[in-house]
Amino acid sequence: MFKTQAESEEFLREFLPILEETPQGRDVILCVPFTDLSVLSRNLHGSRVRLGAQNIHWEESGAYTGEISGPMLTEIGVSYVIVGHSERRQYFGETDHTVNLRLKAAQKYGITPILCVGETKQQRDAGETESIIITQIEKDLVDVDQNNLVIAYEPIWAIGTGDTCETLEANRVTGLIRKQLSNTDVPIQYGGSVKPNNIDEIMAQPEIDGVLVGGASLEAPGFARIVNYK
């Protein structure tokens, strides 16, 4: 929940020129608050950056005050949406059941969902990381098309805390996720205190295809350094 429309436009003025040096073949997606989607859609037209939302409701319309539907997103050029982010699960009652409904809704309207999975510190300390991740994957992906999907492993204990999951461990859990999938080509990202000073090491891991960036995406130069990892 950052940036007004004016702040988003200012961010783009600084960010987009830096992408001229970004290697081809790298997908860059900005997932912004609902109020910023329209202004970014206009300003990103013709650029290599794709537009993403931070949530989607499973119904096309109805008495769901505060929610946004698939047709509302596609109308303004949204092609990706984050589903099941840990903050939605922690603060807003998101469950594996509603995550599953949102995933299927996104795909129904031609939007690629970015499914977030991950364990809390308490679960990790109890040795439950593997079982939690496997259970989330099993429940979340019921009847979901794995040919139109991105998954992000975000250890909840490493989000906004400054604690980064060790890269070898992040790679191991990412590989665990891949083993649960029928389509092993699904892009799997790592998310959790990703910064310019650790991006090169993270992206050197063989199982990690990309990153889901939180706080480090708010300043254009730092985020561009992440996009332009070596």
Protein backbone atom coordinates (compact mmCIF):
# COMPACT_ATOMS: atom_id res chain seq x y z
CA MET A 1 0.00 0.00 0.00
CA PHE A 2 2.39 2.63 -1.34
CA LYS A 3 2.32 5.52 -3.85
CA THR A 4 -0.40 7.86 -5.01
CA GLN A 5 -1.02 8.22 -8.73
CA ALA A 6 1.31 11.21 -8.89
CA GLU A 7 4.02 9.30 -7.05
CA SER A 8 3.59 6.35 -9.40
CA GLU A 9 4.07 8.58 -12.44
CA GLU A 10 7.18 10.08 -10.89
CA PHE A 11 8.52 6.57 -10.22
CA LEU A 12 8.01 5.59 -13.86
CA ARG A 13 9.78 8.70 -15.15
CA GLU A 14 12.86 7.59 -13.26
CA PHE A 15 12.49 3.83 -13.71
CA LEU A 16 11.63 3.29 -17.38
CA PRO A 17 14.77 4.90 -18.90
CA ILE A 18 16.99 2.58 -16.83
CA LEU A 19 15.30 -0.44 -18.43
CA GLU A 20 16.91 0.39 -21.77
CA GLU A 21 19.95 -1.55 -20.57
CA THR A 22 17.92 -4.51 -19.27
CA PRO A 23 18.65 -7.75 -21.16
CA GLN A 24 15.90 -8.95 -23.45
CA GLY A 25 13.94 -11.92 -22.18
CA ARG A 26 13.52 -10.60 -18.64
CA ASP A 27 9.90 -10.08 -17.63
CA VAL A 28 9.31 -6.95 -15.56
CA ILE A 29 5.94 -6.67 -13.81
CA LEU A 30 4.70 -3.87 -11.58
CA CYS A 31 1.92 -4.98 -9.21
CA VAL A 32 0.45 -1.79 -7.82
CA PRO A 33 -2.53 -0.68 -5.67
CA PHE A 34 -5.89 -0.56 -7.46
CA THR A 35 -5.92 3.26 -7.57
CA ASP A 36 -2.66 3.29 -9.55
CA LEU A 37 -3.62 0.73 -12.19
CA SER A 38 -5.25 3.08 -14.69
CA VAL A 39 -2.50 5.69 -14.62
CA LEU A 40 0.19 3.03 -14.99
CA SER A 41 -1.72 1.34 -17.79
CA ARG A 42 -1.62 4.59 -19.78
CA ASN A 43 2.02 5.29 -19.01
CA LEU A 44 3.29 1.75 -19.61
CA HIS A 45 1.73 1.51 -23.07
CA GLY A 46 4.48 0.58 -25.50
CA SER A 47 7.00 -0.23 -22.79
CA ARG A 48 8.33 -3.66 -21.84
CA VAL A 49 6.81 -3.49 -18.35
CA ARG A 50 3.66 -5.52 -17.71
CA LEU A 51 0.94 -4.42 -15.32
CA GLY A 52 -0.19 -6.46 -12.32
CA ALA A 53 -2.74 -6.04 -9.53
CA GLN A 54 -2.37 -7.11 -5.91
CA ASN A 55 -5.64 -9.04 -5.56
CA ILE A 56 -8.70 -10.27 -7.46
CA HIS A 57 -12.16 -11.46 -6.40
CA TRP A 58 -13.53 -14.77 -7.61
CA GLU A 59 -16.92 -13.43 -8.79
CA GLU A 60 -17.49 -11.33 -11.89
CA SER A 61 -19.72 -8.90 -9.98
CA GLY A 62 -21.93 -8.81 -6.91
CA ALA A 63 -22.35 -7.57 -3.36
CA TYR A 64 -18.66 -7.79 -2.40
CA THR A 65 -17.90 -4.28 -1.20
CA GLY A 66 -14.23 -3.41 -1.47
CA GLU A 67 -13.37 -6.19 -3.93
CA ILE A 68 -12.27 -5.96 -7.59
CA SER A 69 -13.25 -8.46 -10.30
CA GLY A 70 -11.42 -9.94 -13.26
CA PRO A 71 -13.30 -7.93 -15.92
CA MET A 72 -12.50 -4.71 -14.03
CA LEU A 73 -8.80 -5.59 -14.20
CA THR A 74 -8.64 -6.78 -17.80
CA GLU A 75 -10.46 -3.65 -18.99
CA ILE A 76 -7.47 -1.53 -17.96
CA GLY A 77 -4.79 -3.87 -19.28
CA VAL A 78 -3.86 -5.88 -16.19
CA SER A 79 -2.16 -9.13 -17.18
CA TYR A 80 -0.87 -10.41 -13.80
CA VAL A 81 -2.27 -10.54 -10.28
CA ILE A 82 -0.79 -11.53 -6.94
CA VAL A 83 -2.91 -14.14 -5.15
CA GLY A 84 -2.54 -15.36 -1.57
CA HIS A 85 0.18 -12.97 -0.47
CA SER A 86 1.15 -13.66 3.14
CA GLU A 87 -0.20 -10.27 4.23
CA ARG A 88 -3.60 -11.15 2.74
CA ARG A 89 -3.50 -14.45 4.59
CA GLN A 90 -2.27 -12.91 7.85
CA TYR A 91 -4.36 -9.73 8.07
CA PHE A 92 -7.41 -10.27 5.89
CA GLY A 93 -8.55 -13.84 6.48
CA GLU A 94 -7.34 -15.34 3.19
CA THR A 95 -7.50 -19.14 3.24
CA ASP A 96 -6.30 -21.83 0.85
CA HIS A 97 -9.93 -22.18 -0.27
CA THR A 98 -10.32 -18.50 -1.21
CA VAL A 99 -6.84 -18.49 -2.76
CA ASN A 100 -7.94 -21.36 -4.99
CA LEU A 101 -11.08 -19.46 -6.04
CA ARG A 102 -9.06 -16.35 -6.84
CA LEU A 103 -6.52 -18.32 -8.88
CA LYS A 104 -9.23 -19.86 -11.02
CA ALA A 105 -10.96 -16.50 -11.47
CA ALA A 106 -7.75 -14.88 -12.67
CA GLN A 107 -7.20 -17.60 -15.24
CA LYS A 108 -10.84 -17.45 -16.35
CA TYR A 109 -10.32 -13.84 -17.39
CA GLY A 110 -6.94 -14.37 -19.01
CA ILE A 111 -4.84 -12.98 -16.17
CA THR A 112 -1.73 -14.84 -15.01
CA PRO A 113 -1.86 -15.34 -11.23
CA ILE A 114 1.26 -15.13 -9.06
CA LEU A 115 0.54 -17.57 -6.24
CA CYS A 116 2.37 -16.87 -2.97
CA VAL A 117 3.19 -19.68 -0.54
CA GLY A 118 5.40 -19.72 2.54
CA GLU A 119 5.77 -20.60 6.20
CA THR A 120 5.88 -18.55 9.39
CA LYS A 121 8.87 -18.47 11.72
CA GLN A 122 6.95 -20.58 14.23
CA GLN A 123 6.26 -23.21 11.57
CA ARG A 124 9.88 -23.20 10.41
CA ASP A 125 11.20 -23.50 13.95
CA ALA A 126 8.87 -26.48 14.46
CA GLY A 127 10.31 -28.22 11.39
CA GLU A 128 7.06 -27.86 9.44
CA THR A 129 8.34 -25.95 6.41
CA GLU A 130 8.03 -28.85 3.97
CA SER A 131 4.60 -30.00 5.14
CA ILE A 132 3.20 -26.45 5.13
CA ILE A 133 4.46 -25.73 1.61
CA ILE A 134 3.24 -29.05 0.22
CA THR A 135 -0.19 -28.59 1.80
CA GLN A 136 -0.53 -25.08 0.42
CA ILE A 137 0.40 -26.23 -3.08
CA GLU A 138 -2.02 -29.15 -2.94
CA LYS A 139 -4.98 -27.08 -1.73
CA ASP A 140 -4.31 -23.92 -3.72
CA LEU A 141 -3.82 -25.57 -7.11
CA VAL A 142 -6.95 -27.75 -7.28
CA ASP A 143 -8.28 -27.41 -10.87
CA VAL A 144 -5.77 -24.61 -11.61
CA ASP A 145 -4.10 -24.54 -15.05
CA GLN A 146 -0.37 -24.82 -14.42
CA ASN A 147 0.36 -23.54 -17.93
CA ASN A 148 -0.76 -20.05 -16.90
CA LEU A 149 0.79 -19.64 -13.48
CA VAL A 150 3.68 -18.13 -11.53
CA ILE A 151 4.54 -19.23 -7.99
CA ALA A 152 6.42 -17.17 -5.42
CA TYR A 153 8.03 -18.74 -2.37
CA GLU A 154 7.94 -16.08 0.32
CA PRO A 155 9.06 -17.24 3.77
CA ILE A 156 6.87 -15.05 5.96
CA TRP A 157 9.59 -14.64 8.55
CA ALA A 158 11.83 -13.00 5.95
CA ILE A 159 9.36 -10.39 4.66
CA GLY A 160 10.17 -6.86 5.74
CA THR A 161 12.26 -8.13 8.63
CA GLY A 162 15.68 -7.76 7.07
CA ASP A 163 16.13 -11.51 7.49
CA THR A 164 16.76 -13.15 4.15
CA CYS A 165 16.37 -16.87 3.73
CA GLU A 166 19.81 -18.32 2.99
CA THR A 167 20.07 -18.60 -0.78
CA LEU A 168 20.81 -22.32 -0.73
CA GLU A 169 17.76 -22.87 1.48
CA ALA A 170 15.60 -20.70 -0.76
CA ASN A 171 16.80 -22.74 -3.71
CA ARG A 172 16.03 -26.00 -1.86
CA VAL A 173 12.45 -24.98 -1.01
CA THR A 174 11.91 -23.69 -4.54
CA GLY A 175 12.99 -27.10 -5.82
CA LEU A 176 10.57 -28.73 -3.36
CA ILE A 177 7.75 -26.64 -4.80
CA ARG A 178 8.71 -27.64 -8.34
CA LYS A 179 8.54 -31.33 -7.41
CA GLN A 180 4.87 -30.87 -6.43
CA LEU A 181 3.88 -29.53 -9.85
CA SER A 182 2.66 -31.38 -12.91
CA ASN A 183 4.26 -28.66 -15.05
CA THR A 184 7.86 -28.24 -13.91
CA ASP A 185 8.29 -25.25 -16.23
CA VAL A 186 6.13 -23.01 -14.03
CA PRO A 187 8.26 -19.94 -13.16
CA ILE A 188 9.04 -19.99 -9.44
CA GLN A 189 10.18 -16.82 -7.71
CA TYR A 190 11.73 -16.09 -4.34
CA GLY A 191 10.35 -13.27 -2.23
CA GLY A 192 11.60 -12.12 1.15
CA SER A 193 13.88 -9.12 1.79
CA VAL A 194 15.22 -9.16 -1.77
CA LYS A 195 17.64 -6.24 -2.13
CA PRO A 196 20.14 -4.87 -4.65
CA ASN A 197 23.00 -6.31 -2.58
CA ASN A 198 21.71 -9.90 -2.59
CA ILE A 199 19.96 -10.19 -5.96
CA ASP A 200 22.99 -11.55 -7.85
CA GLU A 201 23.44 -14.39 -5.38
CA ILE A 202 19.73 -15.21 -5.36
CA MET A 203 19.47 -15.31 -9.14
CA ALA A 204 22.54 -17.54 -9.39
CA GLN A 205 20.53 -20.37 -7.82
CA PRO A 206 19.41 -22.94 -10.41
CA GLU A 207 15.85 -23.44 -9.13
CA ILE A 208 14.98 -19.73 -8.74
CA ASP A 209 13.51 -18.14 -11.87
CA GLY A 210 12.82 -14.64 -10.54
CA VAL A 211 12.00 -12.57 -7.51
CA LEU A 212 8.92 -11.01 -5.92
CA VAL A 213 10.16 -7.69 -4.54
CA GLY A 214 8.48 -5.71 -1.78
CA GLY A 215 10.04 -2.72 -0.07
CA ALA A 216 13.08 -2.66 -2.33
CA SER A 217 10.83 -1.93 -5.32
CA LEU A 218 9.76 1.49 -4.02
CA GLU A 219 12.87 3.38 -5.13
CA ALA A 220 13.52 3.31 -8.87
CA PRO A 221 17.35 3.05 -8.88
CA GLY A 222 17.46 0.18 -6.39
CA PHE A 223 14.65 -1.71 -8.08
CA ALA A 224 16.31 -1.22 -11.46
CA ARG A 225 19.49 -2.75 -10.04
CA ILE A 226 17.43 -5.79 -9.04
CA VAL A 227 15.89 -6.00 -12.52
CA ASN A 228 19.37 -5.68 -14.04
CA TYR A 229 20.94 -8.38 -11.87
CA LYS A 230 24.26 -9.74 -13.06
